Amino acid sequence: MSDDRYEKIVILNNEVEAILLESILQECNIPYLLKSYHDSAYDGLWQSQMGWGHVEAPSEYKKEILRLYKDITKKK
């Protein structure tokens, strides 16, 4: 891995996307952090305005993660 710093890769719309993408990233052995925007003090207000959360990963995985995300969010 050439860059150990993580960057924001994609904003997730809901928990289903988060669970599915997390499962795929684990299966592909792609390092990542899943950050939820939920804040109990505001009862999830930020999630309704900004999305469910986002995925962070090393920049070298960005294209692959975006491709995987696009695949799982395609309308059939």
Protein backbone atom coordinates (compact mmCIF):
# COMPACT_ATOMS: atom_id res chain seq x y z
CA MET A 1 0.00 0.00 0.00
CA SER A 2 1.61 3.23 -1.11
CA ASP A 3 -0.59 5.65 0.82
CA ASP A 4 -1.71 4.84 4.37
CA ARG A 5 -3.92 7.92 4.63
CA TYR A 6 -7.63 7.41 4.18
CA GLU A 7 -9.83 9.75 2.16
CA LYS A 8 -13.57 10.07 1.73
CA ILE A 9 -14.52 7.92 -1.27
CA VAL A 10 -18.31 7.76 -1.48
CA ILE A 11 -21.36 9.00 0.42
CA LEU A 12 -23.89 6.27 1.20
CA ASN A 13 -27.61 6.95 0.96
CA ASN A 14 -28.89 4.39 3.47
CA GLU A 15 -28.02 1.56 5.81
CA VAL A 16 -28.74 -1.12 3.19
CA GLU A 17 -26.05 0.32 0.90
CA ALA A 18 -23.68 0.52 3.87
CA ILE A 19 -24.18 -3.12 4.88
CA LEU A 20 -23.92 -4.41 1.33
CA LEU A 21 -20.82 -2.40 0.41
CA GLU A 22 -19.15 -3.27 3.70
CA SER A 23 -19.69 -6.96 3.02
CA ILE A 24 -18.20 -6.66 -0.48
CA LEU A 25 -15.20 -4.65 0.72
CA GLN A 26 -14.47 -7.26 3.39
CA GLU A 27 -14.77 -10.06 0.83
CA CYS A 28 -12.34 -8.23 -1.51
CA ASN A 29 -9.90 -7.50 1.35
CA ILE A 30 -10.10 -3.76 0.67
CA PRO A 31 -9.17 -1.64 3.71
CA TYR A 32 -11.90 0.86 4.62
CA LEU A 33 -13.61 2.83 7.35
CA LEU A 34 -17.38 3.16 7.42
CA LYS A 35 -18.51 6.41 9.05
CA SER A 36 -22.16 6.95 9.96
CA TYR A 37 -23.56 10.48 10.17
CA HIS A 38 -25.99 9.42 12.90
CA ASP A 39 -25.87 11.58 16.01
CA SER A 40 -28.16 10.54 18.82
CA ALA A 41 -28.22 14.11 20.16
CA TYR A 42 -29.98 15.20 16.96
CA ASP A 43 -31.91 11.93 16.46
CA GLY A 44 -30.41 11.24 13.03
CA LEU A 45 -31.10 14.72 11.61
CA TRP A 46 -27.77 14.78 9.73
CA GLN A 47 -28.52 11.46 8.03
CA SER A 48 -31.73 12.81 6.51
CA GLN A 49 -29.87 15.84 5.13
CA MET A 50 -26.41 14.53 4.27
CA GLY A 51 -26.84 10.80 3.55
CA TRP A 52 -26.40 7.80 5.80
CA GLY A 53 -22.63 8.13 6.04
CA HIS A 54 -19.53 7.57 3.95
CA VAL A 55 -16.71 5.18 3.16
CA GLU A 56 -13.08 6.16 3.65
CA ALA A 57 -10.19 4.19 2.18
CA PRO A 58 -6.68 4.63 0.81
CA SER A 59 -6.78 6.56 -2.47
CA GLU A 60 -5.38 3.62 -4.42
CA TYR A 61 -8.71 1.78 -3.89
CA LYS A 62 -10.93 4.68 -4.97
CA LYS A 63 -11.72 3.48 -8.51
CA GLU A 64 -12.48 -0.06 -7.35
CA ILE A 65 -14.74 1.10 -4.51
CA LEU A 66 -16.62 3.50 -6.81
CA ARG A 67 -17.08 0.69 -9.34
CA LEU A 68 -18.42 -1.65 -6.64
CA TYR A 69 -20.73 1.06 -5.31
CA LYS A 70 -22.05 1.77 -8.80
CA ASP A 71 -22.71 -1.95 -9.31
CA ILE A 72 -24.76 -2.27 -6.11
CA THR A 73 -26.80 0.89 -6.72
CA LYS A 74 -27.72 0.20 -10.36
CA LYS A 75 -31.41 0.22 -11.03
CA LYS A 76 -32.48 -3.01 -12.69
